[in-house]
Protein backbone atom coordinates (compact mmCIF):
# COMPACT_ATOMS: atom_id res chain seq x y z
CA MET A 1 -8.01 7.98 -8.45
CA SER A 2 -7.77 8.77 -12.16
CA GLU A 3 -9.81 11.38 -14.00
CA ASN A 4 -11.80 8.65 -15.78
CA GLU A 5 -12.73 7.02 -12.48
CA LYS A 6 -13.79 10.39 -11.07
CA SER A 7 -15.97 11.08 -14.09
CA GLU A 8 -17.66 7.70 -13.72
CA ASP A 9 -18.64 8.54 -10.14
CA VAL A 10 -20.20 11.84 -11.14
CA ASP A 11 -23.73 11.00 -12.21
CA SER A 12 -27.27 11.93 -11.27
CA PHE A 13 -27.48 9.29 -8.56
CA THR A 14 -24.27 10.15 -6.73
CA GLN A 15 -24.94 13.87 -7.07
CA GLN A 16 -28.53 13.43 -5.83
CA THR A 17 -29.99 15.18 -8.82
CA LEU A 18 -32.43 12.47 -9.91
CA PRO A 19 -35.89 13.86 -10.75
CA GLY A 20 -38.45 13.46 -7.99
CA ILE A 21 -42.18 14.01 -7.75
CA HIS A 22 -43.62 16.23 -5.04
CA PRO A 23 -47.44 16.29 -5.03
CA ARG A 24 -48.85 19.72 -4.28
CA LEU A 25 -51.93 18.89 -2.24
CA GLN A 26 -54.61 21.46 -1.72
CA PRO A 27 -56.17 21.64 1.75
CA LEU A 28 -59.37 19.92 0.66
CA GLN A 29 -57.40 17.12 -1.01
CA LEU A 30 -55.46 16.60 2.21
CA ALA A 31 -58.70 16.61 4.17
CA LEU A 32 -60.07 13.95 1.80
CA LEU A 33 -57.03 11.71 2.36
CA LEU A 34 -57.34 12.12 6.11
CA GLY A 35 -61.06 11.35 5.91
CA ILE A 36 -60.38 8.13 3.97
CA THR A 37 -57.73 7.19 6.55
CA CYS A 38 -60.23 7.86 9.32
CA ILE A 39 -62.89 5.62 7.76
CA LEU A 40 -60.48 2.76 6.95
CA PHE A 41 -58.86 2.67 10.39
CA ILE A 42 -62.15 2.84 12.26
CA LEU A 43 -63.68 0.15 10.04
CA LEU A 44 -60.68 -2.07 10.82
CA GLY A 45 -60.44 -1.17 14.50
CA ILE A 46 -64.05 -1.88 15.47
CA PRO A 47 -64.06 -5.53 14.23
CA LEU A 48 -60.64 -6.13 15.81
CA LEU A 49 -61.90 -4.78 19.13
CA VAL A 50 -65.12 -6.81 18.97
CA VAL A 51 -63.28 -10.06 18.08
CA SER A 52 -60.72 -9.50 20.84
CA ALA A 53 -63.38 -8.69 23.45
CA ASN A 54 -65.29 -11.90 22.61
CA LEU A 55 -62.25 -14.20 22.77
CA PHE A 56 -62.40 -16.80 25.52
CA GLU A 57 -59.81 -16.35 28.27
CA ILE A 58 -59.48 -17.49 31.88
CA VAL A 59 -56.64 -16.33 34.13
CA LEU A 60 -56.20 -18.03 37.52
CA ARG A 61 -53.46 -16.80 39.83
CA TYR A 62 -52.19 -19.62 42.01
CA ASP A 63 -48.95 -18.55 43.69
CA ASN A 64 -50.96 -17.18 46.63
CA ALA A 65 -53.72 -19.80 46.50
CA ALA A 66 -52.25 -22.40 48.83
CA GLU A 67 -49.05 -23.90 50.17
CA GLY A 68 -47.76 -27.32 49.26
CA ASP A 69 -46.70 -29.35 46.26
CA LYS A 70 -50.20 -29.60 44.77
CA ILE A 71 -52.75 -26.86 44.15
CA GLU A 72 -56.30 -27.38 42.86
CA LEU A 73 -58.28 -24.51 41.37
CA ASN A 74 -61.90 -24.86 40.24
CA PHE A 75 -63.50 -22.92 37.40
CA GLN A 76 -66.78 -22.97 35.50
CA ILE A 77 -67.31 -23.11 31.73
CA ASP A 78 -70.71 -21.63 30.79
CA HIS A 79 -70.80 -23.03 27.26
CA ASP A 80 -68.83 -25.39 25.07
CA ILE A 81 -65.54 -23.95 23.84
CA SER A 82 -64.38 -25.40 20.53
CA GLY A 83 -60.75 -26.37 20.15
CA PRO A 84 -58.01 -25.59 20.05
CA VAL A 85 -57.77 -23.96 23.47
CA TYR A 86 -54.23 -22.93 24.39
CA VAL A 87 -52.77 -23.45 27.85
CA TYR A 88 -50.25 -20.89 29.12
CA TYR A 89 -48.49 -20.02 32.33
CA GLN A 90 -48.03 -16.34 33.10
CA LEU A 91 -45.17 -14.92 35.14
CA ASP A 92 -44.87 -11.40 36.50
CA ASP A 93 -41.74 -9.67 37.81
CA PHE A 94 -39.46 -12.21 36.12
CA TYR A 95 -36.81 -10.49 34.02
CA GLN A 96 -35.90 -12.84 31.19
CA ASN A 97 -34.63 -9.78 29.33
CA HIS A 98 -31.79 -9.30 31.82
CA ARG A 99 -28.44 -9.44 30.05
CA ARG A 100 -26.99 -12.18 32.26
CA PHE A 101 -30.05 -14.34 31.67
CA VAL A 102 -29.93 -13.82 27.90
CA ILE A 103 -26.22 -14.58 27.41
CA SER A 104 -25.95 -17.42 29.98
CA ARG A 105 -26.32 -20.27 27.47
CA ASP A 106 -24.30 -21.96 24.76
CA TYR A 107 -26.00 -22.43 21.41
CA GLY A 108 -23.39 -24.91 20.22
CA GLN A 109 -24.11 -27.16 23.19
CA LEU A 110 -27.88 -26.85 22.60
CA ARG A 111 -27.33 -27.95 18.98
CA GLY A 112 -25.59 -31.08 20.21
CA SER A 113 -21.96 -30.12 19.58
CA ASN A 114 -19.17 -31.54 21.75
CA ILE A 115 -18.21 -28.59 23.92
CA THR A 116 -15.37 -28.41 26.42
CA GLN A 117 -15.48 -26.41 29.62
CA SER A 118 -13.19 -23.73 28.21
CA GLN A 119 -15.63 -23.15 25.34
CA ILE A 120 -18.71 -22.42 27.44
CA GLU A 121 -17.63 -19.42 29.47
CA THR A 122 -20.88 -17.72 28.45
CA CYS A 123 -22.74 -20.22 30.65
CA ASP A 124 -21.07 -18.87 33.80
CA PRO A 125 -21.99 -19.27 36.63
CA ARG A 126 -24.06 -22.37 35.80
CA ILE A 127 -21.45 -24.48 34.02
CA LYS A 128 -21.41 -27.33 36.53
CA GLU A 129 -23.82 -28.59 39.13
CA GLY A 130 -22.34 -28.48 42.62
CA HIS A 131 -18.92 -30.13 42.84
CA LYS A 132 -19.44 -32.44 39.86
CA VAL A 133 -16.71 -32.70 37.27
CA ASP A 134 -18.99 -33.11 34.28
CA ILE A 135 -20.49 -30.11 32.51
CA THR A 136 -24.19 -29.52 33.06
CA ILE A 137 -26.22 -30.21 29.91
CA PRO A 138 -27.74 -27.80 29.16
CA CYS A 139 -25.67 -25.20 30.99
CA GLY A 140 -26.48 -21.62 31.86
CA ILE A 141 -28.86 -19.60 34.01
CA ALA A 142 -31.71 -19.80 31.48
CA ALA A 143 -31.73 -23.61 31.43
CA ASN A 144 -31.12 -23.85 35.19
CA THR A 145 -34.25 -21.76 35.93
CA PHE A 146 -36.50 -23.71 33.52
CA PHE A 147 -40.07 -23.31 34.77
CA ASN A 148 -41.21 -26.77 35.89
CA ASP A 149 -44.66 -26.31 37.41
CA THR A 150 -47.09 -28.84 35.93
CA PHE A 151 -50.73 -28.35 34.92
CA GLU A 152 -53.51 -30.86 34.36
CA VAL A 153 -56.98 -29.72 33.29
CA GLN A 154 -59.81 -31.93 34.50
CA VAL A 155 -63.55 -31.99 33.79
CA GLU A 156 -66.31 -33.21 36.10
CA ASP A 157 -68.59 -35.94 34.76
CA GLN A 158 -72.20 -36.68 35.67
CA ASP A 159 -71.12 -38.81 38.63
CA GLY A 160 -69.14 -35.96 40.14
CA LYS A 161 -65.78 -37.49 39.30
CA PHE A 162 -63.00 -35.56 37.61
CA SER A 163 -61.10 -36.90 34.62
CA ALA A 164 -58.18 -35.40 32.74
CA VAL A 165 -58.75 -33.46 29.54
CA VAL A 166 -56.40 -34.57 26.76
CA MET A 167 -53.62 -32.03 26.33
CA LYS A 168 -51.21 -31.89 23.39
CA GLU A 169 -47.70 -31.15 24.64
CA SER A 170 -46.10 -30.07 21.35
CA GLY A 171 -46.78 -28.10 18.20
CA PHE A 172 -46.68 -24.59 19.66
CA VAL A 173 -43.14 -23.46 18.75
CA TRP A 174 -41.73 -22.41 15.38
CA GLY A 175 -39.83 -25.00 13.37
CA SER A 176 -36.99 -22.49 12.96
CA ASP A 177 -36.65 -22.31 16.76
CA LYS A 178 -36.77 -26.07 17.16
CA SER A 179 -34.01 -26.61 14.59
CA GLY A 180 -31.45 -25.13 17.03
CA TYR A 181 -31.94 -27.87 19.67
CA LYS A 182 -30.78 -31.50 19.64
CA ASP A 183 -30.88 -34.23 22.28
CA GLN A 184 -27.55 -35.47 23.59
CA PRO A 185 -26.29 -38.04 26.10
CA GLY A 186 -26.16 -36.97 29.73
CA GLN A 187 -28.64 -34.11 29.43
CA GLN A 188 -30.58 -33.17 32.56
CA ILE A 189 -33.44 -31.61 30.57
CA ASN A 190 -35.07 -32.72 27.34
CA VAL A 191 -33.81 -29.85 25.18
CA THR A 192 -36.09 -30.72 22.24
CA ASP A 193 -39.20 -30.36 24.39
CA ASP A 194 -41.42 -27.58 23.06
CA ARG A 195 -41.90 -26.20 26.57
CA PHE A 196 -38.16 -25.91 27.12
CA ILE A 197 -37.63 -24.27 23.71
CA ALA A 198 -40.37 -21.74 24.47
CA TRP A 199 -38.76 -21.00 27.85
CA MET A 200 -35.34 -20.42 26.28
CA LYS A 201 -36.74 -17.68 24.03
CA PRO A 202 -36.28 -14.53 26.16
CA ALA A 203 -39.38 -12.47 26.82
CA ALA A 204 -39.19 -8.75 26.09
CA PHE A 205 -40.93 -7.64 29.29
CA SER A 206 -41.02 -8.71 32.92
CA SER A 207 -44.63 -9.91 32.57
CA PHE A 208 -45.08 -12.60 29.94
CA ARG A 209 -46.84 -15.81 28.98
CA LYS A 210 -45.30 -19.05 27.77
CA PRO A 211 -47.21 -21.87 26.03
CA TYR A 212 -47.65 -25.10 27.98
CA GLY A 213 -50.03 -27.19 25.90
CA ILE A 214 -53.04 -27.32 23.59
CA LEU A 215 -56.52 -28.67 24.38
CA VAL A 216 -57.26 -29.86 20.86
CA ASP A 217 -60.87 -30.88 21.60
CA GLY A 218 -61.67 -27.71 23.51
CA LEU A 219 -63.67 -27.56 26.74
CA LYS A 220 -67.17 -28.81 27.53
CA GLU A 221 -69.73 -26.89 29.50
CA GLY A 222 -69.59 -27.65 33.21
CA ASN A 223 -67.30 -27.71 36.19
CA HIS A 224 -63.56 -27.97 35.68
CA ARG A 225 -60.44 -27.79 37.75
CA VAL A 226 -56.73 -27.51 37.16
CA VAL A 227 -54.34 -29.55 39.25
CA ILE A 228 -51.03 -27.69 39.56
CA GLY A 229 -47.75 -29.28 40.58
CA ASN A 230 -46.12 -26.47 42.55
CA ASN A 231 -42.49 -27.38 41.78
CA ASP A 232 -40.80 -24.18 40.66
CA LYS A 233 -38.42 -22.64 43.20
CA TYR A 234 -36.91 -19.79 41.17
CA THR A 235 -40.01 -17.68 40.49
CA LEU A 236 -40.82 -15.38 43.39
CA GLY A 237 -43.33 -13.12 41.62
CA PRO A 238 -46.97 -13.78 40.75
CA ARG A 239 -47.73 -16.95 38.79
CA SER A 240 -50.94 -17.60 36.88
CA PHE A 241 -52.58 -20.37 34.88
CA VAL A 242 -54.18 -19.22 31.61
CA LEU A 243 -56.66 -20.80 29.19
CA ALA A 244 -57.24 -18.82 26.00
CA LYS A 245 -58.50 -18.96 22.44
CA ASN A 246 -56.50 -17.28 19.69
CA ALA A 247 -57.70 -15.27 16.71
CA PHE A 248 -55.91 -14.52 13.43
CA PHE A 249 -54.03 -11.68 15.16
CA GLY A 250 -53.09 -13.71 18.24
CA GLY A 251 -54.56 -13.86 21.72
CA LYS A 252 -56.92 -11.49 23.50
CA ASN A 253 -55.55 -7.98 22.99
CA ASN A 254 -57.93 -5.03 22.99
CA GLY A 255 -55.03 -2.64 22.45
CA ILE A 256 -54.82 -3.45 18.73
CA GLY A 257 -58.39 -2.43 17.99
CA ILE A 258 -58.21 0.59 20.26
CA SER A 259 -55.03 1.77 18.52
CA TYR A 260 -56.69 1.59 15.10
CA ILE A 261 -59.73 3.50 16.36
CA VAL A 262 -57.58 6.20 18.00
CA VAL A 263 -55.53 6.73 14.82
CA GLY A 264 -58.73 6.93 12.77
CA ALA A 265 -60.27 9.41 15.20
CA VAL A 266 -57.16 11.64 15.12
CA ALA A 267 -57.18 11.58 11.31
CA GLY A 268 -60.87 12.50 11.30
CA ILE A 269 -60.31 15.40 13.71
CA CYS A 270 -57.47 16.72 11.56
CA ALA A 271 -59.67 16.48 8.44
CA LEU A 272 -62.46 18.44 10.14
CA PHE A 273 -59.96 21.04 11.35
CA ILE A 274 -58.62 21.59 7.83
CA ILE A 275 -62.12 21.85 6.37
CA GLY A 276 -63.16 24.32 9.07
CA GLN A 277 -60.04 26.39 8.53
CA GLN A 278 -60.73 26.60 4.81
CA MET A 279 -64.33 27.61 5.40
CA LEU A 280 -63.57 30.25 8.02
CA CYS A 281 -60.15 31.48 6.93
CA PRO A 282 -59.61 30.49 3.30
CA ARG A 283 -56.14 31.07 1.92
CA THR A 284 -55.74 33.06 -1.28
CA TYR A 285 -53.18 31.81 -3.80
CA SER A 286 -51.00 33.83 -6.14
CA ASP A 287 -51.17 33.30 -9.90
CA ALA A 288 -47.87 31.37 -9.83
CA GLU A 289 -49.13 29.03 -7.10
CA ILE A 290 -52.38 28.42 -8.94
CA ALA A 291 -50.44 27.54 -12.10
CA GLU A 292 -48.32 25.05 -10.17
CA ILE A 293 -51.37 23.52 -8.50
CA LYS A 294 -53.06 23.01 -11.87
CA LYS A 295 -50.04 21.05 -13.04
CA GLY A 296 -50.75 18.57 -10.27
CA ILE A 297 -47.13 17.60 -9.68
CA VAL A 298 -43.82 19.39 -9.84
CA PHE A 299 -40.52 17.74 -10.70
CA ALA A 300 -37.82 18.46 -8.17
CA LYS A 301 -35.11 18.71 -10.85
CA ASP A 302 -37.09 21.29 -12.79
CA GLU A 303 -37.58 23.29 -9.60
CA ASP A 304 -33.85 23.29 -8.91
CA ASP A 305 -33.15 24.44 -12.46
CA ASP A 306 -35.73 27.22 -12.14
CA GLU A 307 -34.20 28.35 -8.87
CA GLU A 308 -30.78 28.53 -10.48
CA ASP A 309 -32.19 30.57 -13.36
CA ASP A 310 -33.90 32.97 -10.96
CA VAL A 311 -30.74 33.71 -8.95
CA GLU A 312 -29.69 37.31 -9.47
CA PRO A 313 -25.99 37.93 -10.18
CA THR A 314 -23.98 39.20 -7.26
CA ASP A 315 -21.62 42.21 -7.29
CA GLY A 316 -18.69 39.81 -7.70
CA ASP A 317 -20.22 38.33 -10.82
CA ASN A 318 -20.88 41.79 -12.27
CA LYS A 319 -17.27 42.84 -11.66
CA SER A 320 -15.91 39.70 -13.31
CA LYS A 321 -18.13 40.28 -16.33
CA ALA A 322 -16.99 43.91 -16.53
CA GLN A 323 -13.33 42.84 -16.50
CA VAL A 324 -13.98 40.43 -19.36
């Protein structure tokens, strides 16, 4: 590297000597900031907690309800629930985040590309079905364990007969997720189905919910039941049917509001501690500190320059000066 190139690299940015601003907060100013934080977080947390607590949600576990291919569970709606009401299934102790589950798929095949057997080693050990020669479409453990229990929500009329509530089976996955799936000849599963796309998105934890449908018109007051087709053979843990309303921050989740309130409370306690400390044990400042505080802010570069000016010469420096 030439001398000119070296000189170009030596500037305030590369040498980390750019001026910076460091506010010098007094204890009461810090207490004020913490107090404002306390008020804001509590004012946000209480409405979030109230909205979440009032959200409609019904969770019906059915894996232990009965044996057989069909399960019927009754539930009561005390008042009309406006739409949309979202239908989910909830699985516990199912590890979609396991590495073999996550990597056992081929995104090229899901996008509709012509894939040979040698190109889909990531789908192992679910490349073929049994002793068939043809490749399974879609291949992989994730697709092979696609959750296929069915749910039908029914409402009881005045004559005591149950009729199905209209359920929308699409519109609950992101368009960006759906763009990675394309139908192709010979597929065993409709890969563009919203339910399949939602299943193929790995859950972060072993307990999770996946969307199944949307009751656009909501639910009427009265007796209801859900007829469940008990088809899935891969899920051994608890399985539940869920009906829920969503708010602007998602589904029922009291943890969000509680977190805001806890942070606000901690900030308030810290503010009170600082105020009490100043009242009981006030700190006295030197004249130099008071002068700096009155300035409001101190530039880091100026501080560095002042520190260099204040450095006393060492014995080595004195000797070199004496020799000169």
